[in-house]
Amino acid sequence: MITFAVEPLETFEREGAELFDKHWDEVAINKDVIKLNIDWPQYRVQEAMGAFCGVVARHKGKIIGYWVGFIRPHFHYADSLTAYTDIYFVDKAYRKSGVGADLFKHVEKVLK
């Protein structure tokens, strides 16, 4: 069974390394010049401000996908909170099974 849940930044730091590497390897360009170097302190700042939102997909306890975004007032509409997607990824082994669509459905519920 696949589960979806909002989880703290600590989860991403502690358990996400394998998927972050897969994500970077799949989508990054200029890998010889730009290395994966996540700015965890900046993510912690965003979490402390209440802006960080991370949703994790798990199978048998292991992270198989994620969506990370920031919720903050919109730059043009200061009275309106807006979610900005930072990154999202589903492990290749779980694609074409509906996990990605289900992840985004869960994110939508969380953000409403």
C-alpha atoms as a PDB file:
ATOM      1  CA  MET A   1       0.000   0.000   0.000  1.00  0.00           C
ATOM      2  CA  ILE A   2       1.213   3.481  -0.888  1.00  0.00           C
ATOM      3  CA  THR A   3       0.705   6.167   1.767  1.00  0.00           C
ATOM      4  CA  PHE A   4       0.905   9.936   1.462  1.00  0.00           C
ATOM      5  CA  ALA A   5       1.572  12.363   4.293  1.00  0.00           C
ATOM      6  CA  VAL A   6       2.877  15.814   5.103  1.00  0.00           C
ATOM      7  CA  GLU A   7       6.223  15.321   6.797  1.00  0.00           C
ATOM      8  CA  PRO A   8       8.759  17.695   8.344  1.00  0.00           C
ATOM      9  CA  LEU A   9      11.937  18.834   6.635  1.00  0.00           C
ATOM     10  CA  GLU A  10      13.913  16.534   8.916  1.00  0.00           C
ATOM     11  CA  THR A  11      12.401  13.568   7.052  1.00  0.00           C
ATOM     12  CA  PHE A  12      13.756  14.845   3.745  1.00  0.00           C
ATOM     13  CA  GLU A  13      17.208  15.460   5.182  1.00  0.00           C
ATOM     14  CA  ARG A  14      17.363  12.101   6.950  1.00  0.00           C
ATOM     15  CA  GLU A  15      15.648   9.804   4.447  1.00  0.00           C
ATOM     16  CA  GLY A  16      15.621  11.536   1.076  1.00  0.00           C
ATOM     17  CA  ALA A  17      19.248  11.318  -0.036  1.00  0.00           C
ATOM     18  CA  GLU A  18      18.824   8.288  -2.303  1.00  0.00           C
ATOM     19  CA  LEU A  19      15.858   9.789  -4.150  1.00  0.00           C
ATOM     20  CA  PHE A  20      17.470  13.240  -4.374  1.00  0.00           C
ATOM     21  CA  ASP A  21      20.460  11.624  -6.078  1.00  0.00           C
ATOM     22  CA  LYS A  22      18.182   9.752  -8.498  1.00  0.00           C
ATOM     23  CA  HIS A  23      16.220  12.950  -9.177  1.00  0.00           C
ATOM     24  CA  TRP A  24      19.372  14.981  -9.837  1.00  0.00           C
ATOM     25  CA  ASP A  25      20.863  12.247 -12.004  1.00  0.00           C
ATOM     26  CA  GLU A  26      17.725  12.091 -14.138  1.00  0.00           C
ATOM     27  CA  VAL A  27      16.991  15.778 -14.682  1.00  0.00           C
ATOM     28  CA  ALA A  28      20.163  17.791 -14.107  1.00  0.00           C
ATOM     29  CA  ILE A  29      22.126  19.222 -16.982  1.00  0.00           C
ATOM     30  CA  ASN A  30      25.776  20.269 -16.851  1.00  0.00           C
ATOM     31  CA  LYS A  31      26.392  17.684 -14.106  1.00  0.00           C
ATOM     32  CA  ASP A  32      30.137  18.107 -14.470  1.00  0.00           C
ATOM     33  CA  VAL A  33      29.784  21.798 -13.602  1.00  0.00           C
ATOM     34  CA  ILE A  34      26.776  22.019 -11.275  1.00  0.00           C
ATOM     35  CA  LYS A  35      26.766  19.441  -8.494  1.00  0.00           C
ATOM     36  CA  LEU A  36      23.838  18.636  -6.245  1.00  0.00           C
ATOM     37  CA  ASN A  37      24.350  20.717  -3.112  1.00  0.00           C
ATOM     38  CA  ILE A  38      21.069  21.198  -1.266  1.00  0.00           C
ATOM     39  CA  ASP A  39      20.908  24.387   0.790  1.00  0.00           C
ATOM     40  CA  TRP A  40      19.471  22.752   3.924  1.00  0.00           C
ATOM     41  CA  PRO A  41      19.948  25.891   6.067  1.00  0.00           C
ATOM     42  CA  GLN A  42      17.697  27.866   3.673  1.00  0.00           C
ATOM     43  CA  TYR A  43      15.089  25.109   3.773  1.00  0.00           C
ATOM     44  CA  ARG A  44      15.214  25.250   7.597  1.00  0.00           C
ATOM     45  CA  VAL A  45      14.641  29.023   7.452  1.00  0.00           C
ATOM     46  CA  GLN A  46      11.580  28.479   5.260  1.00  0.00           C
ATOM     47  CA  GLU A  47      10.274  25.797   7.612  1.00  0.00           C
ATOM     48  CA  ALA A  48      10.798  28.068  10.642  1.00  0.00           C
ATOM     49  CA  MET A  49       8.778  30.772   8.849  1.00  0.00           C
ATOM     50  CA  GLY A  50       5.963  28.282   8.270  1.00  0.00           C
ATOM     51  CA  ALA A  51       6.450  28.364   4.505  1.00  0.00           C
ATOM     52  CA  PHE A  52       7.862  24.863   3.889  1.00  0.00           C
ATOM     53  CA  CYS A  53       5.454  22.100   2.912  1.00  0.00           C
ATOM     54  CA  GLY A  54       6.672  18.607   2.105  1.00  0.00           C
ATOM     55  CA  VAL A  55       4.485  15.672   1.093  1.00  0.00           C
ATOM     56  CA  VAL A  56       5.976  12.199   0.974  1.00  0.00           C
ATOM     57  CA  ALA A  57       4.796   9.049  -0.788  1.00  0.00           C
ATOM     58  CA  ARG A  58       5.874   5.840   0.946  1.00  0.00           C
ATOM     59  CA  HIS A  59       5.737   2.162   0.117  1.00  0.00           C
ATOM     60  CA  LYS A  60       6.482  -0.233   2.975  1.00  0.00           C
ATOM     61  CA  GLY A  61       7.906   2.687   4.942  1.00  0.00           C
ATOM     62  CA  LYS A  62      10.381   3.764   2.250  1.00  0.00           C
ATOM     63  CA  ILE A  63      10.110   7.140   0.512  1.00  0.00           C
ATOM     64  CA  ILE A  64       9.286   6.564  -3.150  1.00  0.00           C
ATOM     65  CA  GLY A  65       8.211  10.076  -4.085  1.00  0.00           C
ATOM     66  CA  TYR A  66       7.870  13.611  -2.829  1.00  0.00           C
ATOM     67  CA  TRP A  67       6.511  17.058  -3.480  1.00  0.00           C
ATOM     68  CA  VAL A  68       8.081  20.102  -1.851  1.00  0.00           C
ATOM     69  CA  GLY A  69       6.654  23.565  -2.008  1.00  0.00           C
ATOM     70  CA  PHE A  70       6.479  26.864  -0.224  1.00  0.00           C
ATOM     71  CA  ILE A  71       3.322  28.553   0.962  1.00  0.00           C
ATOM     72  CA  ARG A  72       3.513  32.294   1.278  1.00  0.00           C
ATOM     73  CA  PRO A  73       1.714  35.466   0.303  1.00  0.00           C
ATOM     74  CA  HIS A  74       1.765  36.065  -3.428  1.00  0.00           C
ATOM     75  CA  PHE A  75       4.074  38.823  -4.638  1.00  0.00           C
ATOM     76  CA  HIS A  76       1.220  40.494  -6.543  1.00  0.00           C
ATOM     77  CA  TYR A  77      -1.629  39.687  -4.158  1.00  0.00           C
ATOM     78  CA  ALA A  78      -0.275  40.122  -0.652  1.00  0.00           C
ATOM     79  CA  ASP A  79      -3.580  39.120   0.950  1.00  0.00           C
ATOM     80  CA  SER A  80      -3.573  35.747  -0.800  1.00  0.00           C
ATOM     81  CA  LEU A  81      -1.516  32.708   0.183  1.00  0.00           C
ATOM     82  CA  THR A  82      -0.038  30.858  -2.765  1.00  0.00           C
ATOM     83  CA  ALA A  83       1.750  27.511  -2.991  1.00  0.00           C
ATOM     84  CA  TYR A  84       4.891  27.491  -5.083  1.00  0.00           C
ATOM     85  CA  THR A  85       6.176  24.104  -6.205  1.00  0.00           C
ATOM     86  CA  ASP A  86       9.881  23.676  -5.591  1.00  0.00           C
ATOM     87  CA  ILE A  87      10.499  20.045  -6.587  1.00  0.00           C
ATOM     88  CA  TYR A  88       8.632  16.804  -7.095  1.00  0.00           C
ATOM     89  CA  PHE A  89       9.739  13.323  -8.001  1.00  0.00           C
ATOM     90  CA  VAL A  90       8.534   9.728  -8.130  1.00  0.00           C
ATOM     91  CA  ASP A  91      10.982   6.845  -8.312  1.00  0.00           C
ATOM     92  CA  LYS A  92      11.010   5.274 -11.784  1.00  0.00           C
ATOM     93  CA  ALA A  93       9.954   1.902 -10.360  1.00  0.00           C
ATOM     94  CA  TYR A  94       6.611   3.451  -9.290  1.00  0.00           C
ATOM     95  CA  ARG A  95       5.800   5.493 -12.367  1.00  0.00           C
ATOM     96  CA  LYS A  96       2.866   4.649 -14.633  1.00  0.00           C
ATOM     97  CA  SER A  97       1.100   3.122 -11.634  1.00  0.00           C
ATOM     98  CA  GLY A  98      -0.835   6.223 -10.617  1.00  0.00           C
ATOM     99  CA  VAL A  99       1.502   7.136  -7.735  1.00  0.00           C
ATOM    100  CA  GLY A 100       2.364  10.519  -9.261  1.00  0.00           C
ATOM    101  CA  ALA A 101      -1.274  11.421  -9.843  1.00  0.00           C
ATOM    102  CA  ASP A 102      -2.184  10.263  -6.345  1.00  0.00           C
ATOM    103  CA  LEU A 103       0.671  12.284  -4.886  1.00  0.00           C
ATOM    104  CA  PHE A 104      -0.608  15.441  -6.558  1.00  0.00           C
ATOM    105  CA  LYS A 105      -4.188  14.692  -5.461  1.00  0.00           C
ATOM    106  CA  HIS A 106      -2.938  14.469  -1.884  1.00  0.00           C
ATOM    107  CA  VAL A 107      -0.944  17.695  -2.273  1.00  0.00           C
ATOM    108  CA  GLU A 108      -4.077  19.422  -3.564  1.00  0.00           C
ATOM    109  CA  LYS A 109      -6.064  18.267  -0.517  1.00  0.00           C
ATOM    110  CA  VAL A 110      -3.310  19.450   1.812  1.00  0.00           C
ATOM    111  CA  LEU A 111      -3.106  22.855   0.182  1.00  0.00           C
ATOM    112  CA  LYS A 112      -6.846  23.507   0.293  1.00  0.00           C
END
